[in-house]
Amino acid sequence: MSNYLAIATVTGTLHNMLQPIAQDVLSSAVVTTTRPDPAAFSQGGAGISIFLYQVMPNQAYRNADLPTRRSDGQLMQRPQAALVLRYLLSFFGDDKKLEPHLLLGATVRQLHTQPALTTQQIQGTVASRPELRSSNLADQFDLVRFTPMSLSLEELSKLWSTFLQIPYVLSVAYEASAILIETDDAPVQALPVKERNLYVQTFRQPRIDSIVSQAGDTEPIFSNSVLLIKGKQFKSDDTKMLLNGVEFAPQTVTDTQITFPVPLGAQAGVQALQVIQKLALGTPPKQHPGFESNVATFVLMPRIKLPVTQTTVPDPLGGPPLPALKVDVDVTVGAHQRFVLLLNSTPAGTSLAYSFGAPARSSDASSVTLATPDVAAGEYFIRVQIDGAASPLELDPANINFGPKVSMP
């Protein structure tokens, strides 16, 4: 790697490389690192102009710069910028004497014979230029190499159009790669490894195909249900269940089935379930993340606990207290879950339907009180919806679970 002086060092070394070559051809030739302007040379003088006209990211190295910091912000490795330098080499002199052609031929021969900057050349440039004394380009593990570029006439015309009021002269373009620039920051060094552990294990990723109630594939899932998880490759030394990001131990595990009781305190609604298999690694062995299954979902349905209590709540507009129902359910209702109370008149009554949304709550609870204003007196089927999961309703009067119902005064 090299520091911020790398670009200037490459340009300076290229200058020092071409200067003796140009003077071997024409003793009066001069090599500059300025814009390709005839004014930079003496009247009718010959020489070579080295002009850095474009800097681009190096495609091969730009993805090699892995994340350089840990999650806590500490530096793990020095960040590096990988660059490509594009140079325009222009040749000046007496065209009648073919001086630009002579300089071009000598330059192409030199860069083809020696396309890379050697460590000795870079060190010589650094020693001869005080402004580059701190450059460490010579320590870069990959040598800087020059490659000729094939510019079309259109590309060359566009390039020279940027040099206002400067007539075109014989020119070629070269690309220098790669220049790796890094900071001087000192990364945090970890302690040396005292002992190495090597583990070899076949890749057996578990897969969940379905989640149903152990009572039957078509039965709803309630808070007291036992889940039957079907799939593949569940069996391991340490199989766990991950429910909404919380880890639980299963009840039984085979390679194709897992039984898992719904945990206490589970909230109604759509649940995300995953099978994870941990690996015991290290000395002494400790549990580490291992294999994870796909994420499967199921709906946990709430149930209303009877009786439903009739009560009142204050009127937010300052009027007399409003009639209300206190509904207890067998699941935990999250403070931010959407809770809706549904009332439908029974078959013996008129076709009336009401819907009431619960106000915001400050904490989780298993009981919610909702105002039920302007409800006509009569008997109603009662249901609740928690984040879209509705409580069950039995409409067969011959069934022992007919309802649930509530009588409104």
Protein backbone atom coordinates (compact mmCIF):
# COMPACT_ATOMS: atom_id res chain seq x y z
CA MET A 1 0.00 0.00 0.00
CA SER A 2 1.03 3.62 -0.33
CA ASN A 3 0.08 6.98 1.10
CA TYR A 4 -1.45 10.07 -0.49
CA LEU A 5 1.84 10.93 -2.26
CA ALA A 6 1.46 7.92 -4.59
CA ILE A 7 -0.11 9.81 -7.51
CA ALA A 8 2.57 12.50 -7.51
CA THR A 9 5.25 9.82 -7.16
CA VAL A 10 3.99 7.94 -10.23
CA THR A 11 4.01 11.14 -12.29
CA GLY A 12 7.46 12.12 -11.05
CA THR A 13 8.91 8.67 -11.71
CA LEU A 14 7.47 8.61 -15.24
CA HIS A 15 9.10 12.02 -15.80
CA ASN A 16 12.48 10.77 -14.57
CA MET A 17 12.16 7.66 -16.75
CA LEU A 18 11.45 9.56 -19.97
CA GLN A 19 13.88 12.47 -19.46
CA PRO A 20 17.09 10.54 -20.31
CA ILE A 21 15.31 8.70 -23.13
CA ALA A 22 14.25 11.99 -24.72
CA GLN A 23 17.75 13.48 -24.37
CA ASP A 24 19.30 10.41 -26.00
CA VAL A 25 17.17 11.21 -29.06
CA LEU A 26 17.52 15.02 -28.90
CA SER A 27 20.04 16.48 -26.50
CA SER A 28 17.94 19.62 -26.10
CA ALA A 29 14.66 17.79 -25.43
CA VAL A 30 12.78 18.63 -22.22
CA VAL A 31 10.14 16.54 -20.40
CA THR A 32 7.43 18.45 -18.49
CA THR A 33 4.43 17.49 -16.35
CA THR A 34 2.30 20.43 -17.46
CA ARG A 35 -0.57 20.80 -19.89
CA PRO A 36 0.38 20.05 -23.52
CA ASP A 37 1.14 23.67 -24.39
CA PRO A 38 3.93 24.71 -26.82
CA ALA A 39 4.55 27.71 -24.55
CA ALA A 40 6.03 25.33 -21.97
CA PHE A 41 8.99 24.78 -24.28
CA SER A 42 11.49 27.27 -25.65
CA GLN A 43 10.79 28.71 -29.08
CA GLY A 44 10.86 25.75 -31.46
CA GLY A 45 12.13 23.49 -28.69
CA ALA A 46 11.46 19.78 -28.56
CA GLY A 47 10.14 17.76 -25.68
CA ILE A 48 7.49 15.54 -24.13
CA SER A 49 4.50 16.71 -22.10
CA ILE A 50 3.20 14.28 -19.45
CA PHE A 51 -0.34 15.30 -18.49
CA LEU A 52 -2.53 13.40 -16.01
CA TYR A 53 -5.99 14.00 -17.46
CA GLN A 54 -8.19 11.43 -15.68
CA VAL A 55 -8.30 9.43 -12.44
CA MET A 56 -10.68 6.45 -12.17
CA PRO A 57 -11.41 3.64 -9.68
CA ASN A 58 -9.59 0.39 -10.34
CA GLN A 59 -12.23 -2.24 -11.13
CA ALA A 60 -10.10 -5.18 -9.98
CA TYR A 61 -9.27 -3.80 -6.53
CA ARG A 62 -12.29 -1.65 -5.67
CA ASN A 63 -14.18 -4.63 -4.16
CA ALA A 64 -11.15 -5.90 -2.24
CA ASP A 65 -11.59 -3.20 0.38
CA LEU A 66 -13.66 -5.20 2.89
CA PRO A 67 -15.50 -3.51 5.78
CA THR A 68 -12.76 -1.73 7.67
CA ARG A 69 -14.50 -1.13 11.00
CA ARG A 70 -16.26 -3.26 13.56
CA SER A 71 -19.80 -2.58 14.71
CA ASP A 72 -18.44 -0.53 17.61
CA GLY A 73 -16.49 1.71 15.23
CA GLN A 74 -13.00 0.35 15.92
CA LEU A 75 -10.69 0.17 12.91
CA MET A 76 -9.90 -3.41 11.84
CA GLN A 77 -7.84 -2.64 8.73
CA ARG A 78 -6.72 0.44 6.89
CA PRO A 79 -9.16 1.53 4.18
CA GLN A 80 -7.63 1.77 0.73
CA ALA A 81 -8.57 3.55 -2.48
CA ALA A 82 -7.59 1.72 -5.67
CA LEU A 83 -7.06 4.05 -8.63
CA VAL A 84 -6.18 4.05 -12.32
CA LEU A 85 -4.26 7.05 -13.72
CA ARG A 86 -4.66 8.03 -17.35
CA TYR A 87 -1.86 10.08 -18.92
CA LEU A 88 -1.69 11.97 -22.20
CA LEU A 89 1.86 12.03 -23.62
CA SER A 90 2.31 14.79 -26.20
CA PHE A 91 5.41 15.27 -28.35
CA PHE A 92 6.75 18.66 -29.49
CA GLY A 93 9.52 19.64 -31.89
CA ASP A 94 10.29 20.50 -35.48
CA ASP A 95 7.93 18.49 -37.68
CA LYS A 96 10.23 18.97 -40.67
CA LYS A 97 12.96 17.16 -38.80
CA LEU A 98 10.44 14.56 -37.51
CA GLU A 99 11.43 15.36 -33.93
CA PRO A 100 7.96 14.52 -32.47
CA HIS A 101 8.07 11.18 -34.29
CA LEU A 102 11.51 10.40 -32.90
CA LEU A 103 10.40 11.18 -29.34
CA LEU A 104 7.23 9.12 -29.79
CA GLY A 105 9.18 6.09 -31.00
CA ALA A 106 11.63 6.27 -28.10
CA THR A 107 8.80 6.64 -25.57
CA VAL A 108 6.78 3.72 -26.94
CA ARG A 109 9.89 1.54 -27.00
CA GLN A 110 10.72 2.39 -23.39
CA LEU A 111 7.19 1.81 -22.02
CA HIS A 112 6.84 -1.43 -23.97
CA THR A 113 10.26 -2.73 -22.88
CA GLN A 114 9.76 -1.67 -19.26
CA PRO A 115 6.03 -1.21 -18.57
CA ALA A 116 6.37 -1.31 -14.77
CA LEU A 117 7.97 1.20 -12.42
CA THR A 118 10.73 -0.55 -10.53
CA THR A 119 11.42 -0.08 -6.85
CA GLN A 120 14.80 1.50 -7.66
CA GLN A 121 13.23 4.05 -10.01
CA ILE A 122 10.65 5.06 -7.41
CA GLN A 123 13.26 5.34 -4.67
CA GLY A 124 15.42 7.50 -6.96
CA THR A 125 12.50 9.86 -7.62
CA VAL A 126 11.66 10.13 -3.92
CA ALA A 127 15.30 10.89 -3.07
CA SER A 128 15.53 13.61 -5.73
CA ARG A 129 12.31 15.45 -4.84
CA PRO A 130 11.94 16.93 -1.34
CA GLU A 131 8.15 17.13 -1.71
CA LEU A 132 8.01 13.33 -2.08
CA ARG A 133 10.35 12.35 0.76
CA SER A 134 7.47 10.73 2.73
CA SER A 135 6.21 8.68 -0.20
CA ASN A 136 6.12 4.90 0.32
CA LEU A 137 5.01 3.88 -3.16
CA ALA A 138 8.14 1.73 -3.41
CA ASP A 139 6.70 -0.51 -0.68
CA GLN A 140 3.48 -1.26 -2.61
CA PHE A 141 3.33 -5.00 -3.24
CA ASP A 142 1.84 -4.59 -6.74
CA LEU A 143 4.01 -2.72 -9.25
CA VAL A 144 2.53 0.21 -11.14
CA ARG A 145 2.25 -0.79 -14.81
CA PHE A 146 1.66 1.31 -17.93
CA THR A 147 -0.64 0.06 -20.67
CA PRO A 148 -1.24 1.88 -23.97
CA MET A 149 -4.82 3.01 -24.55
CA SER A 150 -6.62 2.75 -27.89
CA LEU A 151 -8.34 6.11 -28.28
CA SER A 152 -10.51 6.57 -31.35
CA LEU A 153 -10.29 9.76 -33.37
CA GLU A 154 -13.53 10.93 -31.78
CA GLU A 155 -12.28 10.26 -28.25
CA LEU A 156 -9.00 12.01 -29.01
CA SER A 157 -10.86 15.00 -30.45
CA LYS A 158 -13.05 15.29 -27.36
CA LEU A 159 -9.98 15.09 -25.13
CA TRP A 160 -8.12 17.81 -26.99
CA SER A 161 -11.23 20.03 -27.05
CA THR A 162 -10.73 20.55 -23.32
CA PHE A 163 -7.42 22.35 -24.01
CA LEU A 164 -8.72 25.73 -25.12
CA GLN A 165 -6.75 27.52 -27.86
CA ILE A 166 -4.01 24.87 -27.89
CA PRO A 167 -3.43 23.26 -31.29
CA TYR A 168 -3.26 19.49 -31.48
CA VAL A 169 0.15 17.83 -31.48
CA LEU A 170 1.16 14.21 -31.87
CA SER A 171 -0.06 12.36 -28.72
CA VAL A 172 -0.63 8.93 -27.19
CA ALA A 173 -2.46 7.88 -24.01
CA TYR A 174 -1.28 5.43 -21.37
CA GLU A 175 -3.00 3.97 -18.33
CA ALA A 176 -1.13 3.43 -15.06
CA SER A 177 -2.51 0.79 -12.71
CA ALA A 178 -2.91 0.07 -9.91
CA ILE A 179 -2.28 2.79 -7.35
CA LEU A 180 -3.41 1.76 -3.86
CA ILE A 181 -3.75 4.64 -1.41
CA GLU A 182 -4.43 4.02 2.26
CA THR A 183 -4.56 6.08 5.45
CA ASP A 184 -1.96 6.23 8.20
CA ASP A 185 -4.46 5.13 10.88
CA ALA A 186 -3.34 2.28 13.11
CA PRO A 187 -5.93 -0.52 13.27
CA VAL A 188 -6.70 -2.33 16.51
CA GLN A 189 -4.62 -5.48 16.77
CA ALA A 190 -6.19 -8.59 18.27
CA LEU A 191 -4.27 -10.87 20.62
CA PRO A 192 -2.45 -13.78 18.98
CA VAL A 193 -4.35 -17.04 18.65
CA LYS A 194 -3.31 -19.49 21.36
CA GLU A 195 -5.14 -22.54 20.06
CA ARG A 196 -6.84 -23.45 16.80
CA ASN A 197 -9.89 -25.68 16.49
CA LEU A 198 -10.84 -27.19 13.16
CA TYR A 199 -14.37 -28.49 12.61
CA VAL A 200 -15.72 -30.39 9.61
CA GLN A 201 -19.47 -30.84 9.31
CA THR A 202 -21.85 -31.62 6.47
CA PHE A 203 -24.24 -28.85 5.48
CA ARG A 204 -27.74 -29.89 6.57
CA GLN A 205 -30.02 -26.88 6.47
CA PRO A 206 -33.41 -27.54 8.10
CA ARG A 207 -36.53 -26.70 6.13
CA ILE A 208 -40.06 -26.02 7.37
CA ASP A 209 -42.80 -27.25 5.03
CA SER A 210 -45.88 -26.56 7.18
CA ILE A 211 -47.05 -25.55 10.66
CA VAL A 212 -50.36 -26.96 11.91
CA SER A 213 -52.07 -27.73 15.20
CA GLN A 214 -51.35 -31.14 16.69
CA ALA A 215 -55.13 -31.49 17.09
CA GLY A 216 -55.53 -31.61 13.29
CA ASP A 217 -54.29 -30.02 10.12
CA THR A 218 -57.47 -27.95 9.74
CA GLU A 219 -57.86 -27.00 13.41
CA PRO A 220 -57.20 -23.39 14.47
CA ILE A 221 -54.18 -22.59 16.61
CA PHE A 222 -54.92 -21.18 20.07
CA SER A 223 -52.83 -20.22 23.09
CA ASN A 224 -53.02 -23.76 24.52
CA SER A 225 -52.31 -25.53 21.23
CA VAL A 226 -49.29 -27.67 20.50
CA LEU A 227 -47.73 -26.88 17.15
CA LEU A 228 -46.79 -29.68 14.79
CA ILE A 229 -43.97 -28.49 12.54
CA LYS A 230 -43.34 -30.64 9.48
CA GLY A 231 -40.24 -30.49 7.31
CA LYS A 232 -36.78 -31.94 6.83
CA GLN A 233 -33.45 -32.24 8.64
CA PHE A 234 -34.65 -31.02 12.04
CA LYS A 235 -32.62 -33.44 14.16
CA SER A 236 -29.34 -32.09 15.57
CA ASP A 237 -27.38 -31.94 18.82
CA ASP A 238 -29.04 -28.63 19.72
CA THR A 239 -32.29 -27.76 17.91
CA LYS A 240 -34.14 -24.64 19.05
CA MET A 241 -37.21 -22.69 17.95
CA LEU A 242 -37.05 -18.98 17.16
CA LEU A 243 -40.51 -17.41 17.57
CA ASN A 244 -40.66 -13.71 16.66
CA GLY A 245 -36.98 -13.39 17.53
CA VAL A 246 -37.23 -15.16 20.92
CA GLU A 247 -35.55 -18.54 21.42
CA PHE A 248 -37.46 -21.51 22.88
CA ALA A 249 -36.80 -25.22 23.38
CA PRO A 250 -39.05 -27.62 21.44
CA GLN A 251 -41.04 -30.40 23.10
CA THR A 252 -39.97 -33.27 20.83
CA VAL A 253 -37.71 -33.39 17.77
CA THR A 254 -37.36 -35.94 14.98
CA ASP A 255 -35.74 -35.43 11.62
CA THR A 256 -39.10 -34.62 9.98
CA GLN A 257 -41.33 -33.35 12.81
CA ILE A 258 -41.15 -31.04 15.83
CA THR A 259 -43.79 -30.54 18.50
CA PHE A 260 -43.77 -27.16 20.16
CA PRO A 261 -46.35 -25.76 22.64
CA VAL A 262 -47.40 -22.17 22.06
CA PRO A 263 -45.40 -20.20 24.67
CA LEU A 264 -47.12 -18.37 27.50
CA GLY A 265 -47.64 -14.69 26.83
CA ALA A 266 -47.74 -15.10 23.05
CA GLN A 267 -49.63 -12.34 21.25
CA ALA A 268 -52.38 -13.05 18.75
CA GLY A 269 -51.83 -12.48 15.05
CA VAL A 270 -49.32 -13.67 12.48
CA GLN A 271 -46.31 -15.38 14.07
CA ALA A 272 -42.89 -15.93 12.46
CA LEU A 273 -41.26 -19.25 13.36
CA GLN A 274 -37.80 -20.58 12.50
CA VAL A 275 -35.82 -23.70 13.35
CA ILE A 276 -32.21 -23.03 14.37
CA GLN A 277 -29.45 -25.53 15.04
CA LYS A 278 -26.54 -24.32 17.14
CA LEU A 279 -23.00 -25.66 17.03
CA ALA A 280 -20.75 -26.25 20.03
CA LEU A 281 -17.41 -24.66 19.10
CA GLY A 282 -14.31 -23.54 20.94
CA THR A 283 -12.39 -24.59 24.03
CA PRO A 284 -14.33 -25.05 26.24
CA PRO A 285 -17.23 -25.66 23.84
CA LYS A 286 -19.75 -22.82 23.60
CA GLN A 287 -22.91 -22.51 21.57
CA HIS A 288 -22.53 -20.56 18.33
CA PRO A 289 -25.00 -19.79 15.52
CA GLY A 290 -25.18 -22.69 13.09
CA PHE A 291 -27.87 -23.64 10.57
CA GLU A 292 -31.18 -21.80 10.15
CA SER A 293 -34.35 -22.89 8.39
CA ASN A 294 -36.63 -20.77 6.27
CA VAL A 295 -39.06 -18.51 8.15
CA ALA A 296 -42.59 -19.95 8.25
CA THR A 297 -45.73 -18.27 9.59
CA PHE A 298 -48.93 -19.28 11.36
CA VAL A 299 -51.87 -17.35 12.82
CA LEU A 300 -52.48 -17.47 16.57
CA MET A 301 -56.20 -16.90 17.17
CA PRO A 302 -57.52 -15.28 20.34
CA ARG A 303 -60.48 -16.61 22.38
CA ILE A 304 -62.89 -14.60 24.47
CA LYS A 305 -63.18 -15.52 28.13
CA LEU A 306 -66.76 -15.41 29.36
CA PRO A 307 -68.51 -13.62 30.91
CA VAL A 308 -68.05 -10.28 29.19
CA THR A 309 -68.46 -7.51 31.77
CA GLN A 310 -70.70 -4.51 31.04
CA THR A 311 -69.30 -1.28 32.43
CA THR A 312 -68.92 2.42 31.55
CA VAL A 313 -66.06 4.67 30.45
CA PRO A 314 -65.73 8.47 30.56
CA ASP A 315 -66.94 10.39 27.53
CA PRO A 316 -63.91 12.06 25.88
CA LEU A 317 -66.23 14.96 24.92
CA GLY A 318 -67.23 15.60 28.52
CA GLY A 319 -70.72 14.12 28.36
CA PRO A 320 -72.23 11.43 30.60
CA PRO A 321 -70.36 8.10 30.90
CA LEU A 322 -70.58 5.83 27.86
CA PRO A 323 -71.63 2.19 28.01
CA ALA A 324 -68.71 -0.18 27.52
CA LEU A 325 -67.70 -3.81 27.48
CA LYS A 326 -64.70 -5.26 29.28
CA VAL A 327 -63.42 -8.17 27.20
CA ASP A 328 -60.95 -10.73 28.56
CA VAL A 329 -58.99 -12.88 26.08
CA ASP A 330 -56.69 -15.86 26.53
CA VAL A 331 -53.71 -14.16 24.89
CA THR A 332 -51.66 -11.07 25.58
CA VAL A 333 -52.81 -8.00 23.68
CA GLY A 334 -49.78 -5.88 22.79
CA ALA A 335 -49.86 -2.18 23.53
CA HIS A 336 -49.45 -1.41 19.82
CA GLN A 337 -51.70 -4.16 18.46
CA ARG A 338 -54.94 -3.23 16.70
CA PHE A 339 -57.90 -4.50 18.76
CA VAL A 340 -61.41 -4.47 17.24
CA LEU A 341 -64.69 -5.60 18.88
CA LEU A 342 -67.38 -6.99 16.55
CA LEU A 343 -71.06 -7.35 17.48
CA ASN A 344 -73.64 -9.11 15.25
CA SER A 345 -77.23 -9.68 16.19
CA THR A 346 -78.19 -13.31 16.70
CA PRO A 347 -80.46 -15.09 14.17
CA ALA A 348 -83.44 -14.46 16.43
CA GLY A 349 -82.95 -10.70 16.26
CA THR A 350 -82.62 -8.10 13.55
CA SER A 351 -79.59 -7.93 11.22
CA LEU A 352 -77.54 -5.42 13.19
CA ALA A 353 -73.76 -5.20 13.17
CA TYR A 354 -71.35 -2.96 15.08
CA SER A 355 -67.59 -2.53 15.10
CA PHE A 356 -65.57 -0.72 17.78
CA GLY A 357 -61.84 -0.07 17.80
CA ALA A 358 -59.94 0.01 21.08
CA PRO A 359 -58.05 3.19 21.97
CA ALA A 360 -54.28 3.22 22.39
CA ARG A 361 -52.96 1.36 25.43
CA SER A 362 -49.95 2.15 27.58
CA SER A 363 -48.91 -1.48 28.17
CA ASP A 364 -49.61 -5.08 27.20
CA ALA A 365 -52.69 -6.64 28.80
CA SER A 366 -55.10 -9.56 28.51
CA SER A 367 -58.18 -7.40 29.13
CA VAL A 368 -59.43 -4.51 26.99
CA THR A 369 -62.32 -2.14 27.74
CA LEU A 370 -64.12 -0.54 24.79
CA ALA A 371 -66.91 2.02 24.65
CA THR A 372 -70.03 0.70 22.86
CA PRO A 373 -72.26 3.74 22.34
CA ASP A 374 -75.57 3.65 20.48
CA VAL A 375 -75.92 -0.14 20.45
CA ALA A 376 -79.54 -1.27 20.24
CA ALA A 377 -80.73 -3.54 23.02
CA GLY A 378 -80.66 -7.22 22.22
CA GLU A 379 -78.54 -10.34 22.04
CA TYR A 380 -75.37 -10.29 19.95
CA PHE A 381 -72.63 -12.62 18.82
CA ILE A 382 -69.35 -11.17 20.04
CA ARG A 383 -65.93 -11.49 18.40
CA VAL A 384 -62.60 -9.73 18.61
CA GLN A 385 -59.92 -9.15 16.00
CA ILE A 386 -56.32 -8.65 17.08
CA ASP A 387 -54.07 -7.60 14.20
CA GLY A 388 -56.50 -9.33 11.85
CA ALA A 389 -56.68 -12.62 13.81
CA ALA A 390 -60.35 -13.17 14.71
CA SER A 391 -61.69 -15.15 17.65
CA PRO A 392 -63.77 -18.24 16.75
CA LEU A 393 -67.58 -18.15 16.50
CA GLU A 394 -69.88 -21.20 16.62
CA LEU A 395 -73.19 -20.64 14.78
CA ASP A 396 -74.74 -24.08 15.37
CA PRO A 397 -77.26 -23.84 18.23
CA ALA A 398 -76.91 -27.58 18.85
CA ASN A 399 -73.19 -27.16 19.59
CA ILE A 400 -72.17 -26.81 23.23
CA ASN A 401 -69.88 -23.92 22.22
CA PHE A 402 -72.65 -21.95 20.50
CA GLY A 403 -71.64 -18.29 20.50
CA PRO A 404 -70.09 -16.60 22.39
CA LYS A 405 -72.95 -14.12 22.98
CA VAL A 406 -73.59 -11.02 24.98
CA SER A 407 -76.86 -9.27 25.89
CA MET A 408 -76.90 -5.51 25.51
CA PRO A 409 -79.40 -3.57 27.69
